[in-house]
Amino acid sequence: MTQTNNRFFDEIGRLMNDAAGAAQGVKREFDSVIRSQAEKFLRDMDLVKREEFEAVKDMARLAREENEALKARLAALEAKLGGTPTS
């Protein structure tokens, strides 16, 4: 009788292990699908990467600084020539 019980419990244990393995496989598959859908969603939104944004932001800052310097230089030249400022 003990041998029958052991075999029964062995089968139950094996079944539980198989079920746990299957659940882990389903979880991995679910995570993979969710990740790929999120990546597709972000790609479709046409978002820029942080590095690209920072590069364009720096370019805009430099252009603004250069524009301010050129305005000051133009104002100084106009004052030197005695002309009226354009802006």
PDB file of N, CA and C in Angstrom:
ATOM      1  N   MET A   1       0.806  -1.194   0.000  1.00  0.00           N
ATOM      2  CA  MET A   1       0.000   0.000   0.000  1.00  0.00           C
ATOM      3  C   MET A   1       0.852   1.263   0.000  1.00  0.00           C
ATOM      4  N   THR A   2       1.952   1.246   0.693  1.00  0.00           N
ATOM      5  CA  THR A   2       2.797   2.437   0.712  1.00  0.00           C
ATOM      6  C   THR A   2       3.398   2.706  -0.651  1.00  0.00           C
ATOM      7  N   GLN A   3       3.680   1.652  -1.386  1.00  0.00           N
ATOM      8  CA  GLN A   3       4.243   1.847  -2.701  1.00  0.00           C
ATOM      9  C   GLN A   3       3.219   2.517  -3.626  1.00  0.00           C
ATOM     10  N   THR A   4       1.961   2.172  -3.529  1.00  0.00           N
ATOM     11  CA  THR A   4       0.906   2.786  -4.324  1.00  0.00           C
ATOM     12  C   THR A   4       0.773   4.258  -3.972  1.00  0.00           C
ATOM     13  N   ASN A   5       0.789   4.567  -2.688  1.00  0.00           N
ATOM     14  CA  ASN A   5       0.682   5.967  -2.264  1.00  0.00           C
ATOM     15  C   ASN A   5       1.867   6.777  -2.759  1.00  0.00           C
ATOM     16  N   ASN A   6       3.059   6.212  -2.693  1.00  0.00           N
ATOM     17  CA  ASN A   6       4.246   6.927  -3.152  1.00  0.00           C
ATOM     18  C   ASN A   6       4.155   7.217  -4.648  1.00  0.00           C
ATOM     19  N   ARG A   7       3.703   6.246  -5.408  1.00  0.00           N
ATOM     20  CA  ARG A   7       3.579   6.449  -6.843  1.00  0.00           C
ATOM     21  C   ARG A   7       2.531   7.523  -7.136  1.00  0.00           C
ATOM     22  N   PHE A   8       1.447   7.489  -6.394  1.00  0.00           N
ATOM     23  CA  PHE A   8       0.394   8.492  -6.566  1.00  0.00           C
ATOM     24  C   PHE A   8       0.934   9.890  -6.273  1.00  0.00           C
ATOM     25  N   PHE A   9       1.641  10.011  -5.148  1.00  0.00           N
ATOM     26  CA  PHE A   9       2.200  11.321  -4.785  1.00  0.00           C
ATOM     27  C   PHE A   9       3.307  11.747  -5.743  1.00  0.00           C
ATOM     28  N   ASP A  10       4.065  10.775  -6.255  1.00  0.00           N
ATOM     29  CA  ASP A  10       5.087  11.094  -7.261  1.00  0.00           C
ATOM     30  C   ASP A  10       4.441  11.669  -8.519  1.00  0.00           C
ATOM     31  N   GLU A  11       3.343  11.049  -8.943  1.00  0.00           N
ATOM     32  CA  GLU A  11       2.631  11.532 -10.120  1.00  0.00           C
ATOM     33  C   GLU A  11       2.041  12.923  -9.880  1.00  0.00           C
ATOM     34  N   ILE A  12       1.479  13.152  -8.699  1.00  0.00           N
ATOM     35  CA  ILE A  12       0.931  14.473  -8.355  1.00  0.00           C
ATOM     36  C   ILE A  12       2.058  15.514  -8.355  1.00  0.00           C
ATOM     37  N   GLY A  13       3.182  15.163  -7.775  1.00  0.00           N
ATOM     38  CA  GLY A  13       4.332  16.069  -7.745  1.00  0.00           C
ATOM     39  C   GLY A  13       4.835  16.387  -9.138  1.00  0.00           C
ATOM     40  N   ARG A  14       4.917  15.362  -9.975  1.00  0.00           N
ATOM     41  CA  ARG A  14       5.363  15.559 -11.357  1.00  0.00           C
ATOM     42  C   ARG A  14       4.371  16.451 -12.119  1.00  0.00           C
ATOM     43  N   LEU A  15       3.090  16.224 -11.887  1.00  0.00           N
ATOM     44  CA  LEU A  15       2.058  17.039 -12.528  1.00  0.00           C
ATOM     45  C   LEU A  15       2.169  18.496 -12.089  1.00  0.00           C
ATOM     46  N   MET A  16       2.405  18.717 -10.804  1.00  0.00           N
ATOM     47  CA  MET A  16       2.560  20.088 -10.296  1.00  0.00           C
ATOM     48  C   MET A  16       3.793  20.764 -10.899  1.00  0.00           C
ATOM     49  N   ASN A  17       4.885  20.024 -11.019  1.00  0.00           N
ATOM     50  CA  ASN A  17       6.098  20.581 -11.636  1.00  0.00           C
ATOM     51  C   ASN A  17       5.842  20.956 -13.087  1.00  0.00           C
ATOM     52  N   ASP A  18       5.156  20.083 -13.803  1.00  0.00           N
ATOM     53  CA  ASP A  18       4.832  20.367 -15.200  1.00  0.00           C
ATOM     54  C   ASP A  18       3.940  21.600 -15.316  1.00  0.00           C
ATOM     55  N   ALA A  19       2.971  21.724 -14.416  1.00  0.00           N
ATOM     56  CA  ALA A  19       2.069  22.875 -14.441  1.00  0.00           C
ATOM     57  C   ALA A  19       2.835  24.156 -14.146  1.00  0.00           C
ATOM     58  N   ALA A  20       3.770  24.102 -13.186  1.00  0.00           N
ATOM     59  CA  ALA A  20       4.571  25.289 -12.862  1.00  0.00           C
ATOM     60  C   ALA A  20       5.442  25.681 -14.051  1.00  0.00           C
ATOM     61  N   GLY A  21       6.027  24.700 -14.718  1.00  0.00           N
ATOM     62  CA  GLY A  21       6.848  24.985 -15.905  1.00  0.00           C
ATOM     63  C   GLY A  21       6.015  25.598 -17.019  1.00  0.00           C
ATOM     64  N   ALA A  22       4.815  25.083 -17.222  1.00  0.00           N
ATOM     65  CA  ALA A  22       3.931  25.624 -18.256  1.00  0.00           C
ATOM     66  C   ALA A  22       3.528  27.055 -17.910  1.00  0.00           C
ATOM     67  N   ALA A  23       3.266  27.318 -16.636  1.00  0.00           N
ATOM     68  CA  ALA A  23       2.887  28.676 -16.217  1.00  0.00           C
ATOM     69  C   ALA A  23       4.038  29.645 -16.454  1.00  0.00           C
ATOM     70  N   GLN A  24       5.263  29.213 -16.195  1.00  0.00           N
ATOM     71  CA  GLN A  24       6.414  30.073 -16.440  1.00  0.00           C
ATOM     72  C   GLN A  24       6.569  30.344 -17.939  1.00  0.00           C
ATOM     73  N   GLY A  25       6.334  29.342 -18.755  1.00  0.00           N
ATOM     74  CA  GLY A  25       6.402  29.521 -20.206  1.00  0.00           C
ATOM     75  C   GLY A  25       5.353  30.506 -20.697  1.00  0.00           C
ATOM     76  N   VAL A  26       4.148  30.400 -20.160  1.00  0.00           N
ATOM     77  CA  VAL A  26       3.077  31.332 -20.540  1.00  0.00           C
ATOM     78  C   VAL A  26       3.439  32.743 -20.114  1.00  0.00           C
ATOM     79  N   LYS A  27       4.006  32.901 -18.911  1.00  0.00           N
ATOM     80  CA  LYS A  27       4.410  34.224 -18.428  1.00  0.00           C
ATOM     81  C   LYS A  27       5.480  34.819 -19.333  1.00  0.00           C
ATOM     82  N   ARG A  28       6.479  34.025 -19.724  1.00  0.00           N
ATOM     83  CA  ARG A  28       7.529  34.526 -20.624  1.00  0.00           C
ATOM     84  C   ARG A  28       6.933  34.955 -21.956  1.00  0.00           C
ATOM     85  N   GLU A  29       6.024  34.150 -22.485  1.00  0.00           N
ATOM     86  CA  GLU A  29       5.388  34.486 -23.758  1.00  0.00           C
ATOM     87  C   GLU A  29       4.566  35.765 -23.632  1.00  0.00           C
ATOM     88  N   PHE A  30       3.823  35.899 -22.541  1.00  0.00           N
ATOM     89  CA  PHE A  30       3.021  37.094 -22.291  1.00  0.00           C
ATOM     90  C   PHE A  30       3.922  38.326 -22.196  1.00  0.00           C
ATOM     91  N   ASP A  31       5.015  38.221 -21.446  1.00  0.00           N
ATOM     92  CA  ASP A  31       5.951  39.348 -21.321  1.00  0.00           C
ATOM     93  C   ASP A  31       6.525  39.733 -22.679  1.00  0.00           C
ATOM     94  N   SER A  32       6.845  38.745 -23.478  1.00  0.00           N
ATOM     95  CA  SER A  32       7.413  38.995 -24.802  1.00  0.00           C
ATOM     96  C   SER A  32       6.412  39.726 -25.697  1.00  0.00           C
ATOM     97  N   VAL A  33       5.163  39.293 -25.674  1.00  0.00           N
ATOM     98  CA  VAL A  33       4.125  39.931 -26.499  1.00  0.00           C
ATOM     99  C   VAL A  33       3.894  41.370 -26.039  1.00  0.00           C
ATOM    100  N   ILE A  34       3.803  41.579 -24.735  1.00  0.00           N
ATOM    101  CA  ILE A  34       3.587  42.922 -24.205  1.00  0.00           C
ATOM    102  C   ILE A  34       4.751  43.831 -24.574  1.00  0.00           C
ATOM    103  N   ARG A  35       5.976  43.348 -24.442  1.00  0.00           N
ATOM    104  CA  ARG A  35       7.155  44.147 -24.773  1.00  0.00           C
ATOM    105  C   ARG A  35       7.158  44.528 -26.250  1.00  0.00           C
ATOM    106  N   SER A  36       6.862  43.577 -27.121  1.00  0.00           N
ATOM    107  CA  SER A  36       6.878  43.883 -28.557  1.00  0.00           C
ATOM    108  C   SER A  36       5.754  44.857 -28.925  1.00  0.00           C
ATOM    109  N   GLN A  37       4.597  44.721 -28.286  1.00  0.00           N
ATOM    110  CA  GLN A  37       3.501  45.659 -28.555  1.00  0.00           C
ATOM    111  C   GLN A  37       3.856  47.065 -28.066  1.00  0.00           C
ATOM    112  N   ALA A  38       4.497  47.162 -26.909  1.00  0.00           N
ATOM    113  CA  ALA A  38       4.902  48.473 -26.387  1.00  0.00           C
ATOM    114  C   ALA A  38       5.940  49.112 -27.302  1.00  0.00           C
ATOM    115  N   GLU A  39       6.907  48.320 -27.776  1.00  0.00           N
ATOM    116  CA  GLU A  39       7.918  48.853 -28.691  1.00  0.00           C
ATOM    117  C   GLU A  39       7.277  49.317 -29.987  1.00  0.00           C
ATOM    118  N   LYS A  40       6.329  48.560 -30.516  1.00  0.00           N
ATOM    119  CA  LYS A  40       5.630  48.952 -31.748  1.00  0.00           C
ATOM    120  C   LYS A  40       4.851  50.241 -31.523  1.00  0.00           C
ATOM    121  N   PHE A  41       4.180  50.343 -30.392  1.00  0.00           N
ATOM    122  CA  PHE A  41       3.416  51.553 -30.065  1.00  0.00           C
ATOM    123  C   PHE A  41       4.331  52.769 -30.015  1.00  0.00           C
ATOM    124  N   LEU A  42       5.471  52.638 -29.363  1.00  0.00           N
ATOM    125  CA  LEU A  42       6.404  53.768 -29.264  1.00  0.00           C
ATOM    126  C   LEU A  42       7.002  54.128 -30.621  1.00  0.00           C
ATOM    127  N   ARG A  43       7.282  53.113 -31.435  1.00  0.00           N
ATOM    128  CA  ARG A  43       7.807  53.376 -32.785  1.00  0.00           C
ATOM    129  C   ARG A  43       6.775  54.124 -33.614  1.00  0.00           C
ATOM    130  N   ASP A  44       5.512  53.721 -33.504  1.00  0.00           N
ATOM    131  CA  ASP A  44       4.450  54.351 -34.290  1.00  0.00           C
ATOM    132  C   ASP A  44       4.187  55.786 -33.845  1.00  0.00           C
ATOM    133  N   MET A  45       4.513  56.117 -32.603  1.00  0.00           N
ATOM    134  CA  MET A  45       4.307  57.476 -32.109  1.00  0.00           C
ATOM    135  C   MET A  45       5.367  58.430 -32.643  1.00  0.00           C
ATOM    136  N   ASP A  46       6.398  57.921 -33.274  1.00  0.00           N
ATOM    137  CA  ASP A  46       7.456  58.723 -33.880  1.00  0.00           C
ATOM    138  C   ASP A  46       8.139  59.608 -32.833  1.00  0.00           C
ATOM    139  N   LEU A  47       8.490  59.014 -31.705  1.00  0.00           N
ATOM    140  CA  LEU A  47       9.189  59.731 -30.652  1.00  0.00           C
ATOM    141  C   LEU A  47      10.676  59.809 -30.973  1.00  0.00           C
ATOM    142  N   VAL A  48      11.325  60.850 -30.476  1.00  0.00           N
ATOM    143  CA  VAL A  48      12.773  60.977 -30.675  1.00  0.00           C
ATOM    144  C   VAL A  48      13.490  60.425 -29.454  1.00  0.00           C
ATOM    145  N   LYS A  49      14.700  59.993 -29.677  1.00  0.00           N
ATOM    146  CA  LYS A  49      15.516  59.501 -28.571  1.00  0.00           C
ATOM    147  C   LYS A  49      16.029  60.687 -27.767  1.00  0.00           C
ATOM    148  N   ARG A  50      16.329  60.445 -26.531  1.00  0.00           N
ATOM    149  CA  ARG A  50      16.795  61.502 -25.626  1.00  0.00           C
ATOM    150  C   ARG A  50      18.064  62.161 -26.154  1.00  0.00           C
ATOM    151  N   GLU A  51      18.990  61.371 -26.693  1.00  0.00           N
ATOM    152  CA  GLU A  51      20.245  61.912 -27.210  1.00  0.00           C
ATOM    153  C   GLU A  51      19.983  62.874 -28.366  1.00  0.00           C
ATOM    154  N   GLU A  52      19.056  62.501 -29.260  1.00  0.00           N
ATOM    155  CA  GLU A  52      18.727  63.361 -30.395  1.00  0.00           C
ATOM    156  C   GLU A  52      18.089  64.659 -29.904  1.00  0.00           C
ATOM    157  N   PHE A  53      17.204  64.567 -28.928  1.00  0.00           N
ATOM    158  CA  PHE A  53      16.559  65.753 -28.380  1.00  0.00           C
ATOM    159  C   PHE A  53      17.592  66.688 -27.764  1.00  0.00           C
ATOM    160  N   GLU A  54      18.520  66.146 -26.988  1.00  0.00           N
ATOM    161  CA  GLU A  54      19.543  66.969 -26.345  1.00  0.00           C
ATOM    162  C   GLU A  54      20.438  67.629 -27.392  1.00  0.00           C
ATOM    163  N   ALA A  55      20.760  66.913 -28.470  1.00  0.00           N
ATOM    164  CA  ALA A  55      21.599  67.484 -29.526  1.00  0.00           C
ATOM    165  C   ALA A  55      20.895  68.664 -30.195  1.00  0.00           C
ATOM    166  N   VAL A  56      19.624  68.512 -30.521  1.00  0.00           N
ATOM    167  CA  VAL A  56      18.873  69.600 -31.161  1.00  0.00           C
ATOM    168  C   VAL A  56      18.699  70.766 -30.190  1.00  0.00           C
ATOM    169  N   LYS A  57      18.489  70.454 -28.936  1.00  0.00           N
ATOM    170  CA  LYS A  57      18.354  71.501 -27.913  1.00  0.00           C
ATOM    171  C   LYS A  57      19.645  72.326 -27.820  1.00  0.00           C
ATOM    172  N   ASP A  58      20.802  71.652 -27.844  1.00  0.00           N
ATOM    173  CA  ASP A  58      22.086  72.358 -27.814  1.00  0.00           C
ATOM    174  C   ASP A  58      22.283  73.199 -29.071  1.00  0.00           C
ATOM    175  N   MET A  59      21.878  72.664 -30.222  1.00  0.00           N
ATOM    176  CA  MET A  59      21.998  73.433 -31.476  1.00  0.00           C
ATOM    177  C   MET A  59      21.144  74.694 -31.411  1.00  0.00           C
ATOM    178  N   ALA A  60      19.930  74.577 -30.882  1.00  0.00           N
ATOM    179  CA  ALA A  60      19.046  75.733 -30.768  1.00  0.00           C
ATOM    180  C   ALA A  60      19.630  76.766 -29.809  1.00  0.00           C
ATOM    181  N   ARG A  61      20.203  76.321 -28.703  1.00  0.00           N
ATOM    182  CA  ARG A  61      20.819  77.241 -27.748  1.00  0.00           C
ATOM    183  C   ARG A  61      21.976  77.987 -28.387  1.00  0.00           C
ATOM    184  N   LEU A  62      22.837  77.257 -29.113  1.00  0.00           N
ATOM    185  CA  LEU A  62      23.969  77.897 -29.790  1.00  0.00           C
ATOM    186  C   LEU A  62      23.495  78.894 -30.842  1.00  0.00           C
ATOM    187  N   ALA A  63      22.451  78.544 -31.585  1.00  0.00           N
ATOM    188  CA  ALA A  63      21.920  79.455 -32.609  1.00  0.00           C
ATOM    189  C   ALA A  63      21.360  80.716 -31.953  1.00  0.00           C
ATOM    190  N   ARG A  64      20.665  80.568 -30.828  1.00  0.00           N
ATOM    191  CA  ARG A  64      20.138  81.718 -30.100  1.00  0.00           C
ATOM    192  C   ARG A  64      21.263  82.626 -29.618  1.00  0.00           C
ATOM    193  N   GLU A  65      22.307  82.017 -29.053  1.00  0.00           N
ATOM    194  CA  GLU A  65      23.453  82.808 -28.578  1.00  0.00           C
ATOM    195  C   GLU A  65      24.119  83.549 -29.722  1.00  0.00           C
ATOM    196  N   GLU A  66      24.283  82.867 -30.841  1.00  0.00           N
ATOM    197  CA  GLU A  66      24.897  83.499 -32.011  1.00  0.00           C
ATOM    198  C   GLU A  66      24.015  84.635 -32.524  1.00  0.00           C
ATOM    199  N   ASN A  67      22.710  84.431 -32.521  1.00  0.00           N
ATOM    200  CA  ASN A  67      21.776  85.463 -32.965  1.00  0.00           C
ATOM    201  C   ASN A  67      21.874  86.699 -32.067  1.00  0.00           C
ATOM    202  N   GLU A  68      21.935  86.489 -30.757  1.00  0.00           N
ATOM    203  CA  GLU A  68      22.064  87.606 -29.822  1.00  0.00           C
ATOM    204  C   GLU A  68      23.377  88.352 -30.049  1.00  0.00           C
ATOM    205  N   ALA A  69      24.464  87.618 -30.272  1.00  0.00           N
ATOM    206  CA  ALA A  69      25.767  88.247 -30.524  1.00  0.00           C
ATOM    207  C   ALA A  69      25.726  89.063 -31.810  1.00  0.00           C
ATOM    208  N   LEU A  70      25.091  88.527 -32.842  1.00  0.00           N
ATOM    209  CA  LEU A  70      24.996  89.255 -34.109  1.00  0.00           C
ATOM    210  C   LEU A  70      24.112  90.499 -33.970  1.00  0.00           C
ATOM    211  N   LYS A  71      23.054  90.409 -33.179  1.00  0.00           N
ATOM    212  CA  LYS A  71      22.217  91.582 -32.938  1.00  0.00           C
ATOM    213  C   LYS A  71      23.015  92.684 -32.249  1.00  0.00           C
ATOM    214  N   ALA A  72      23.791  92.289 -31.243  1.00  0.00           N
ATOM    215  CA  ALA A  72      24.608  93.275 -30.529  1.00  0.00           C
ATOM    216  C   ALA A  72      25.644  93.892 -31.463  1.00  0.00           C
ATOM    217  N   ARG A  73      26.254  93.079 -32.291  1.00  0.00           N
ATOM    218  CA  ARG A  73      27.263  93.580 -33.237  1.00  0.00           C
ATOM    219  C   ARG A  73      26.632  94.528 -34.246  1.00  0.00           C
ATOM    220  N   LEU A  74      25.445  94.178 -34.742  1.00  0.00           N
ATOM    221  CA  LEU A  74      24.742  95.032 -35.694  1.00  0.00           C
ATOM    222  C   LEU A  74      24.359  96.361 -35.042  1.00  0.00           C
ATOM    223  N   ALA A  75      23.884  96.306 -33.824  1.00  0.00           N
ATOM    224  CA  ALA A  75      23.516  97.534 -33.118  1.00  0.00           C
ATOM    225  C   ALA A  75      24.738  98.417 -32.923  1.00  0.00           C
ATOM    226  N   ALA A  76      25.897  97.808 -32.591  1.00  0.00           N
ATOM    227  CA  ALA A  76      27.125  98.586 -32.412  1.00  0.00           C
ATOM    228  C   ALA A  76      27.558  99.221 -33.729  1.00  0.00           C
ATOM    229  N   LEU A  77      27.470  98.488 -34.815  1.00  0.00           N
ATOM    230  CA  LEU A  77      27.842  99.032 -36.137  1.00  0.00           C
ATOM    231  C   LEU A  77      26.909 100.150 -36.550  1.00  0.00           C
ATOM    232  N   GLU A  78      25.611  99.979 -36.299  1.00  0.00           N
ATOM    233  CA  GLU A  78      24.647 101.026 -36.636  1.00  0.00           C
ATOM    234  C   GLU A  78      24.894 102.277 -35.812  1.00  0.00           C
ATOM    235  N   ALA A  79      25.231 102.088 -34.543  1.00  0.00           N
ATOM    236  CA  ALA A  79      25.518 103.239 -33.689  1.00  0.00           C
ATOM    237  C   ALA A  79      26.785 103.943 -34.149  1.00  0.00           C
ATOM    238  N   LYS A  80      27.764 103.181 -34.580  1.00  0.00           N
ATOM    239  CA  LYS A  80      29.026 103.740 -35.074  1.00  0.00           C
ATOM    240  C   LYS A  80      28.806 104.542 -36.349  1.00  0.00           C
ATOM    241  N   LEU A  81      27.923 104.046 -37.209  1.00  0.00           N
ATOM    242  CA  LEU A  81      27.653 104.717 -38.487  1.00  0.00           C
ATOM    243  C   LEU A  81      26.621 105.834 -38.315  1.00  0.00           C
ATOM    244  N   GLY A  82      25.945 105.855 -37.196  1.00  0.00           N
ATOM    245  CA  GLY A  82      24.937 106.876 -36.968  1.00  0.00           C
ATOM    246  C   GLY A  82      23.609 106.568 -37.639  1.00  0.00           C
ATOM    247  N   GLY A  83      23.411 105.365 -38.034  1.00  0.00           N
ATOM    248  CA  GLY A  83      22.136 104.972 -38.666  1.00  0.00           C
ATOM    249  C   GLY A  83      21.088 104.668 -37.635  1.00  0.00           C
ATOM    250  N   THR A  84      19.870 104.538 -38.105  1.00  0.00           N
ATOM    251  CA  THR A  84      18.784 104.171 -37.200  1.00  0.00           C
ATOM    252  C   THR A  84      18.682 102.663 -37.108  1.00  0.00           C
ATOM    253  N   PRO A  85      18.455 102.157 -35.919  1.00  0.00           N
ATOM    254  CA  PRO A  85      18.326 100.683 -35.774  1.00  0.00           C
ATOM    255  C   PRO A  85      17.107 100.171 -36.525  1.00  0.00           C
ATOM    256  N   THR A  86      17.237  98.976 -37.050  1.00  0.00           N
ATOM    257  CA  THR A  86      16.150  98.383 -37.835  1.00  0.00           C
ATOM    258  C   THR A  86      15.123  97.703 -36.972  1.00  0.00           C
ATOM    259  N   SER A  87      15.444  97.396 -35.752  1.00  0.00           N
ATOM    260  CA  SER A  87      14.459  96.684 -34.938  1.00  0.00           C
ATOM    261  C   SER A  87      14.120  97.418 -33.674  1.00  0.00           C
TER     262      SER A  87
END
